[in-house]
Amino acid sequence: MVKSLTRALVAVLLAVPAVALVTAQPAGAQDNGLALTPPLGWSSWSFIRRDPTAAKIKAQADAMVASGLAKVGYQYVNLDDFWYVCPGSQGPDVDEFGRWVIDATKFPAEGAKNGIQALADYLHGKGLKFGIYVTPGISKQAVAKNTAIEGTPYHAADIATTFVEKNYNCKGMVGIDYTKPGAQEFVNSWANQFASWGADYLKIDGVGTPDVPDIQAWSAALRQTGRPIHLELSNNLAIASAPTWKQYANGWRTSGDVECYCSGQPNGVGFPLTDWAHVSSRFNQVANWQPYGGPGGFNDYDSIEVGNGANTGLTVDERRTQLSLWALAASPFILGTDLTNLDPTDLEL
């Protein structure tokens, strides 16, 4: 096993020029001053998945600091899906301006702060950064209620299309016609809200080449907030559009999920988190995508499932190989494991 993994890594190394990680920002790259090196951190999706709470996220952040990971550069704590109220297939619940409503049972308010603000402040107090999740488009609930677009005379029905956007779990999102007045202002208002909550990182999930107008709008919206917010695109982005991803974003997922969803539990929750087939499928991607990553925006091969020993679904050699390949590829290091139960061998890796 060790020899075969080593040969595979050498094969990729030979395919990657020595200048893979350049020292200057590549032409056409996102120029918001972020992701000058690949970001390091943790995401809630792999391990916590469908039931994130403020307490669980805080526990992972505490462990990131206590373990020493924060000292060596792991700083992003990214809250993935299921932070908002989802009553059914009609789309996420919305506020008076058509933006998703926080699930206060999972993220309760603390005094004058809503639950997400309070969580972000907690993370910032530990020297960490906070990431949040969204999908493209506008909720059907906003369209049905014809909610106002903040600061404009326009409403949700003025900008909405009937095109079904991807929201993998809650569903109920439809497209935005960015030729219509009020469309950019809607995304601006949402970006301003995230900035006011203290977001440092935004993952837009379910985007592809048809969603380039959404990506352009969100890139502009985050910039106009005046707050540095890393923009990450997910998932399975087309390599043919790589120059576009590089122009507007700080990172982009090159394929589907690294998770295997093979625990045997409902929705695949629990260990194992992945398997060797899901990790080894990245070898060819690393070679093919190499020209497109660099300071300002990096190819993202998804979460690293190292931290909980063999429970993650990988042998120690396979875990070492995942870390080696992601490092060789200058990929973000976003851990997906349970940091509150770190395996000593994995922590050394």
Protein backbone atom coordinates (compact mmCIF):
# COMPACT_ATOMS: atom_id res chain seq x y z
CA MET A 1 0.00 0.00 0.00
CA VAL A 2 2.72 2.51 0.98
CA LYS A 3 4.70 1.91 -2.23
CA SER A 4 1.60 2.21 -4.42
CA LEU A 5 0.56 5.47 -2.73
CA THR A 6 4.07 6.85 -3.06
CA ARG A 7 4.16 6.02 -6.77
CA ALA A 8 0.83 7.77 -7.24
CA LEU A 9 2.09 10.89 -5.50
CA VAL A 10 5.29 10.89 -7.55
CA ALA A 11 3.21 10.62 -10.73
CA VAL A 12 1.27 13.72 -9.76
CA LEU A 13 4.45 15.52 -8.74
CA LEU A 14 5.95 14.91 -12.16
CA ALA A 15 2.82 16.36 -13.75
CA VAL A 16 3.00 19.55 -11.68
CA PRO A 17 5.65 22.15 -12.57
CA ALA A 18 7.86 23.38 -9.76
CA VAL A 19 6.32 26.84 -10.12
CA ALA A 20 2.83 25.56 -9.26
CA LEU A 21 2.52 27.93 -6.31
CA VAL A 22 3.68 31.24 -7.70
CA THR A 23 4.58 34.18 -5.52
CA ALA A 24 2.60 36.79 -7.45
CA GLN A 25 -1.12 36.89 -8.01
CA PRO A 26 -1.90 35.26 -11.39
CA ALA A 27 -3.41 37.41 -14.12
CA GLY A 28 -7.16 37.66 -13.83
CA ALA A 29 -7.27 36.42 -10.24
CA GLN A 30 -9.71 37.69 -7.65
CA ASP A 31 -8.05 40.81 -6.23
CA ASN A 32 -9.76 41.30 -2.87
CA GLY A 33 -6.51 40.71 -0.99
CA LEU A 34 -7.59 37.34 0.41
CA ALA A 35 -6.38 33.74 -0.10
CA LEU A 36 -2.80 34.76 -0.82
CA THR A 37 -2.03 31.29 0.55
CA PRO A 38 -4.48 28.37 0.73
CA PRO A 39 -6.85 28.85 3.70
CA LEU A 40 -6.74 26.44 6.64
CA GLY A 41 -9.64 25.65 8.91
CA TRP A 42 -12.58 23.37 9.63
CA SER A 43 -16.09 22.85 8.19
CA SER A 44 -19.22 21.51 9.89
CA TRP A 45 -20.47 19.45 6.95
CA SER A 46 -18.53 16.16 7.13
CA PHE A 47 -19.02 15.38 10.81
CA ILE A 48 -21.84 17.54 12.21
CA ARG A 49 -23.69 17.80 8.91
CA ARG A 50 -27.47 18.30 9.38
CA ASP A 51 -27.57 19.32 13.02
CA PRO A 52 -25.22 22.22 13.63
CA THR A 53 -25.73 24.22 16.81
CA ALA A 54 -23.88 27.10 18.40
CA ALA A 55 -22.66 24.81 21.16
CA LYS A 56 -21.26 22.26 18.73
CA ILE A 57 -19.48 24.86 16.62
CA LYS A 58 -18.01 26.52 19.71
CA ALA A 59 -16.74 23.14 20.93
CA GLN A 60 -14.91 22.56 17.64
CA ALA A 61 -13.42 26.06 17.82
CA ASP A 62 -12.26 25.45 21.39
CA ALA A 63 -10.60 22.23 20.25
CA MET A 64 -8.93 23.96 17.33
CA VAL A 65 -7.25 26.31 19.77
CA ALA A 66 -6.52 23.77 22.52
CA SER A 67 -5.00 21.24 20.08
CA GLY A 68 -2.49 23.74 18.73
CA LEU A 69 -4.02 23.74 15.24
CA ALA A 70 -4.85 27.44 15.49
CA LYS A 71 -1.22 28.25 16.27
CA VAL A 72 -0.06 26.68 13.01
CA GLY A 73 -2.57 28.56 10.88
CA TYR A 74 -5.94 26.81 11.07
CA GLN A 75 -8.26 29.79 11.44
CA TYR A 76 -11.55 29.41 9.57
CA VAL A 77 -14.50 27.79 11.37
CA ASN A 78 -17.07 27.32 8.64
CA LEU A 79 -20.75 26.75 9.36
CA ASP A 80 -22.22 24.84 6.42
CA ASP A 81 -25.87 24.06 5.62
CA PHE A 82 -28.83 23.89 8.07
CA TRP A 83 -28.20 27.15 9.95
CA TYR A 84 -31.48 28.64 8.69
CA VAL A 85 -35.16 27.77 9.05
CA CYS A 86 -36.34 25.32 6.39
CA PRO A 87 -40.06 24.50 6.72
CA GLY A 88 -40.29 22.44 3.53
CA SER A 89 -39.87 22.38 -0.23
CA GLN A 90 -41.27 25.91 -0.61
CA GLY A 91 -37.83 27.21 0.32
CA PRO A 92 -36.10 28.71 3.35
CA ASP A 93 -38.04 31.06 5.61
CA VAL A 94 -37.22 34.70 4.88
CA ASP A 95 -37.17 38.05 6.64
CA GLU A 96 -38.91 41.21 5.42
CA PHE A 97 -36.21 41.65 2.76
CA GLY A 98 -36.26 38.08 1.41
CA ARG A 99 -33.14 36.80 3.19
CA TRP A 100 -32.92 33.50 5.05
CA VAL A 101 -33.98 33.47 8.69
CA ILE A 102 -31.63 32.09 11.37
CA ASP A 103 -32.79 28.92 13.12
CA ALA A 104 -32.89 30.38 16.63
CA THR A 105 -33.38 26.96 18.23
CA LYS A 106 -29.91 25.99 17.00
CA PHE A 107 -28.38 29.45 17.26
CA PRO A 108 -30.16 31.30 20.06
CA ALA A 109 -29.81 35.04 20.47
CA GLU A 110 -27.53 36.36 23.18
CA GLY A 111 -28.86 39.67 24.42
CA ALA A 112 -29.10 42.10 21.52
CA LYS A 113 -27.09 39.81 19.24
CA ASN A 114 -28.72 37.21 17.03
CA GLY A 115 -27.34 33.68 17.28
CA ILE A 116 -25.03 33.96 14.29
CA GLN A 117 -23.60 37.29 15.42
CA ALA A 118 -22.98 35.83 18.85
CA LEU A 119 -21.22 32.80 17.38
CA ALA A 120 -19.05 34.93 15.10
CA ASP A 121 -18.08 37.14 18.05
CA TYR A 122 -17.15 34.06 20.07
CA LEU A 123 -14.87 32.81 17.29
CA HIS A 124 -13.32 36.22 16.75
CA GLY A 125 -12.62 36.39 20.47
CA LYS A 126 -10.49 33.26 20.07
CA GLY A 127 -8.57 34.77 17.16
CA LEU A 128 -10.48 32.64 14.62
CA LYS A 129 -12.53 33.52 11.55
CA PHE A 130 -16.16 32.67 10.80
CA GLY A 131 -17.58 31.16 7.61
CA ILE A 132 -21.21 30.82 6.54
CA TYR A 133 -23.14 29.10 3.74
CA VAL A 134 -25.65 30.15 1.07
CA THR A 135 -26.99 28.92 -2.26
CA PRO A 136 -27.75 30.96 -5.39
CA GLY A 137 -31.08 32.60 -6.17
CA ILE A 138 -34.00 33.70 -4.02
CA SER A 139 -36.40 31.66 -1.90
CA LYS A 140 -39.85 30.87 -3.26
CA GLN A 141 -41.15 32.15 0.06
CA ALA A 142 -39.77 35.60 -0.73
CA VAL A 143 -41.49 35.49 -4.12
CA ALA A 144 -44.79 34.33 -2.62
CA LYS A 145 -44.68 37.12 -0.04
CA ASN A 146 -43.24 39.56 -2.61
CA THR A 147 -40.84 40.86 0.01
CA ALA A 148 -39.25 44.26 -0.42
CA ILE A 149 -35.66 44.64 -1.58
CA GLU A 150 -33.93 46.68 1.09
CA GLY A 151 -33.30 50.31 0.17
CA THR A 152 -35.13 50.13 -3.15
CA PRO A 153 -38.69 50.45 -4.49
CA TYR A 154 -38.42 46.92 -5.91
CA HIS A 155 -39.72 43.58 -4.67
CA ALA A 156 -38.86 39.89 -4.96
CA ALA A 157 -41.32 39.28 -7.80
CA ASP A 158 -39.57 41.98 -9.84
CA ILE A 159 -36.31 40.02 -10.00
CA ALA A 160 -37.30 36.34 -9.63
CA THR A 161 -37.40 33.82 -12.47
CA THR A 162 -38.97 30.36 -12.55
CA PHE A 163 -35.60 28.65 -13.02
CA VAL A 164 -35.02 26.15 -10.20
CA GLU A 165 -31.74 26.82 -8.43
CA LYS A 166 -29.85 24.15 -6.50
CA ASN A 167 -30.42 24.05 -2.79
CA TYR A 168 -29.53 20.44 -2.06
CA ASN A 169 -31.36 20.02 1.20
CA CYS A 170 -34.05 22.65 1.72
CA LYS A 171 -34.93 23.11 -2.00
CA GLY A 172 -37.28 25.92 -3.00
CA MET A 173 -34.80 28.41 -4.49
CA VAL A 174 -35.43 30.06 -7.87
CA GLY A 175 -33.24 32.16 -10.10
CA ILE A 176 -32.61 35.89 -10.20
CA ASP A 177 -32.76 37.93 -13.42
CA TYR A 178 -29.75 40.20 -13.06
CA THR A 179 -30.89 42.42 -15.92
CA LYS A 180 -33.73 43.64 -13.69
CA PRO A 181 -33.38 46.67 -11.40
CA GLY A 182 -33.15 45.60 -7.79
CA ALA A 183 -31.37 42.30 -8.50
CA GLN A 184 -27.87 43.41 -7.53
CA GLU A 185 -29.31 45.41 -4.64
CA PHE A 186 -30.94 42.26 -3.27
CA VAL A 187 -27.62 40.41 -3.20
CA ASN A 188 -25.93 43.50 -1.79
CA SER A 189 -28.40 43.59 1.10
CA TRP A 190 -27.73 39.93 1.87
CA ALA A 191 -23.97 40.43 1.71
CA ASN A 192 -24.30 43.46 3.99
CA GLN A 193 -26.23 41.34 6.47
CA PHE A 194 -23.55 38.63 6.48
CA ALA A 195 -20.89 41.31 6.94
CA SER A 196 -22.83 42.83 9.86
CA TRP A 197 -22.96 39.38 11.46
CA GLY A 198 -19.16 39.13 11.26
CA ALA A 199 -18.71 36.69 8.38
CA ASP A 200 -15.15 36.28 7.06
CA TYR A 201 -15.87 33.50 4.54
CA LEU A 202 -18.86 32.71 2.34
CA LYS A 203 -19.43 29.38 0.61
CA ILE A 204 -21.93 29.50 -2.26
CA ASP A 205 -23.06 25.93 -2.89
CA GLY A 206 -24.80 24.49 -5.93
CA VAL A 207 -23.29 26.88 -8.45
CA GLY A 208 -22.14 26.01 -11.94
CA THR A 209 -21.54 27.66 -15.29
CA PRO A 210 -25.22 28.74 -15.63
CA ASP A 211 -24.77 30.64 -12.35
CA VAL A 212 -21.99 32.95 -13.49
CA PRO A 213 -24.29 35.99 -13.05
CA ASP A 214 -24.88 34.95 -9.42
CA ILE A 215 -21.14 34.56 -8.84
CA GLN A 216 -20.46 37.96 -10.38
CA ALA A 217 -23.20 39.54 -8.27
CA TRP A 218 -21.96 37.96 -5.02
CA SER A 219 -18.35 38.90 -5.78
CA ALA A 220 -19.39 42.53 -6.28
CA ALA A 221 -21.72 42.45 -3.28
CA LEU A 222 -19.06 41.18 -0.89
CA ARG A 223 -16.62 43.77 -2.15
CA GLN A 224 -19.04 46.65 -1.57
CA THR A 225 -19.52 45.66 2.08
CA GLY A 226 -16.03 46.92 2.85
CA ARG A 227 -15.37 43.78 4.93
CA PRO A 228 -12.80 41.22 3.68
CA ILE A 229 -14.89 38.10 2.99
CA HIS A 230 -13.39 35.04 1.28
CA LEU A 231 -15.64 33.75 -1.53
CA GLU A 232 -15.67 29.98 -2.07
CA LEU A 233 -17.63 28.23 -4.86
CA SER A 234 -19.06 24.72 -4.63
CA ASN A 235 -19.20 22.20 -6.17
CA ASN A 236 -18.04 20.24 -9.22
CA LEU A 237 -17.12 23.39 -11.11
CA ALA A 238 -16.35 22.99 -14.82
CA ILE A 239 -12.66 23.19 -15.70
CA ALA A 240 -13.56 24.90 -18.99
CA SER A 241 -14.73 27.90 -16.96
CA ALA A 242 -11.71 27.95 -14.64
CA PRO A 243 -10.61 31.46 -15.75
CA THR A 244 -14.05 32.74 -14.67
CA TRP A 245 -13.86 31.10 -11.25
CA LYS A 246 -10.39 32.59 -10.80
CA GLN A 247 -11.62 36.05 -11.76
CA TYR A 248 -14.46 36.21 -9.26
CA ALA A 249 -13.70 33.82 -6.39
CA ASN A 250 -11.01 32.84 -3.89
CA GLY A 251 -11.58 29.10 -4.27
CA TRP A 252 -13.62 26.60 -6.24
CA ARG A 253 -14.49 22.95 -5.71
CA THR A 254 -13.23 20.81 -8.60
CA SER A 255 -15.57 17.85 -8.03
CA GLY A 256 -18.36 16.41 -5.92
CA ASP A 257 -18.21 15.70 -2.20
CA VAL A 258 -15.31 13.81 -0.67
CA GLU A 259 -17.75 12.28 1.83
CA CYS A 260 -18.94 8.76 1.02
CA TYR A 261 -22.28 8.97 2.91
CA CYS A 262 -21.74 5.30 3.64
CA SER A 263 -22.19 5.02 7.41
CA GLY A 264 -25.41 3.06 7.12
CA GLN A 265 -27.16 5.72 9.18
CA PRO A 266 -29.92 8.00 7.85
CA ASN A 267 -28.49 10.53 5.38
CA GLY A 268 -25.09 8.89 5.80
CA VAL A 269 -24.41 10.73 9.06
CA GLY A 270 -21.56 9.43 11.20
CA PHE A 271 -18.40 7.40 10.66
CA PRO A 272 -16.93 6.52 8.25
CA LEU A 273 -16.79 9.97 6.69
CA THR A 274 -15.16 8.93 3.42
CA ASP A 275 -13.37 6.06 1.68
CA TRP A 276 -10.25 5.66 -0.45
CA ALA A 277 -12.16 5.82 -3.74
CA HIS A 278 -13.41 9.33 -2.93
CA VAL A 279 -9.91 10.52 -2.04
CA SER A 280 -7.98 8.80 -4.83
CA SER A 281 -10.35 10.23 -7.45
CA ARG A 282 -8.59 13.58 -6.87
CA PHE A 283 -5.22 12.52 -8.32
CA ASN A 284 -6.12 13.26 -11.94
CA GLN A 285 -7.99 16.42 -10.90
CA VAL A 286 -4.86 17.78 -9.26
CA ALA A 287 -2.89 17.33 -12.48
CA ASN A 288 -5.63 18.76 -14.70
CA TRP A 289 -6.48 21.79 -12.53
CA GLN A 290 -2.90 22.72 -11.58
CA PRO A 291 -2.56 25.70 -13.98
CA TYR A 292 -5.52 27.53 -12.46
CA GLY A 293 -4.69 27.81 -8.77
CA GLY A 294 -2.46 30.37 -7.10
CA PRO A 295 -2.45 33.36 -4.76
CA GLY A 296 -5.89 34.96 -4.79
CA GLY A 297 -7.76 31.76 -5.68
CA PHE A 298 -7.06 28.06 -5.18
CA ASN A 299 -8.36 24.77 -6.54
CA ASP A 300 -10.37 23.17 -3.72
CA TYR A 301 -10.38 19.36 -3.51
CA ASP A 302 -12.85 19.39 -0.57
CA SER A 303 -12.52 18.61 3.12
CA ILE A 304 -9.61 16.69 4.62
CA GLU A 305 -10.89 13.64 6.50
CA VAL A 306 -7.93 13.32 8.84
CA GLY A 307 -8.24 13.66 12.60
CA ASN A 308 -10.20 10.71 13.96
CA GLY A 309 -7.95 7.82 13.02
CA ALA A 310 -9.38 4.88 11.08
CA ASN A 311 -12.91 5.98 12.03
CA THR A 312 -12.83 8.40 9.12
CA GLY A 313 -12.72 5.46 6.68
CA LEU A 314 -9.05 5.76 5.70
CA THR A 315 -5.97 3.83 6.80
CA VAL A 316 -3.08 5.79 8.25
CA ASP A 317 -1.23 5.57 4.90
CA GLU A 318 -4.32 6.83 3.11
CA ARG A 319 -4.71 9.69 5.58
CA ARG A 320 -1.06 10.63 5.13
CA THR A 321 -1.57 10.49 1.37
CA GLN A 322 -4.62 12.75 1.47
CA LEU A 323 -2.69 15.39 3.39
CA SER A 324 0.30 15.01 1.05
CA LEU A 325 -1.76 15.31 -2.11
CA TRP A 326 -3.72 18.33 -0.85
CA ALA A 327 -0.43 20.00 0.17
CA LEU A 328 1.22 19.23 -3.17
CA ALA A 329 -1.83 20.66 -4.92
CA ALA A 330 -1.83 23.90 -2.88
CA SER A 331 -5.41 23.11 -1.89
CA PRO A 332 -7.23 24.62 1.06
CA PHE A 333 -6.81 22.54 4.22
CA ILE A 334 -10.36 22.48 5.58
CA LEU A 335 -10.72 19.65 8.10
CA GLY A 336 -14.02 17.79 8.20
CA THR A 337 -13.38 15.66 11.26
CA ASP A 338 -14.32 15.90 14.94
CA LEU A 339 -11.66 18.13 16.48
CA THR A 340 -12.91 17.36 19.99
CA ASN A 341 -11.67 13.75 19.64
CA LEU A 342 -8.41 14.08 17.77
CA ASP A 343 -6.31 10.97 17.19
CA PRO A 344 -2.70 11.63 18.30
CA THR A 345 -1.24 10.14 15.10
CA ASP A 346 -3.50 12.27 12.94
CA LEU A 347 -2.65 15.38 14.92
CA GLU A 348 1.04 14.70 14.23
CA LEU A 349 0.24 14.40 10.52
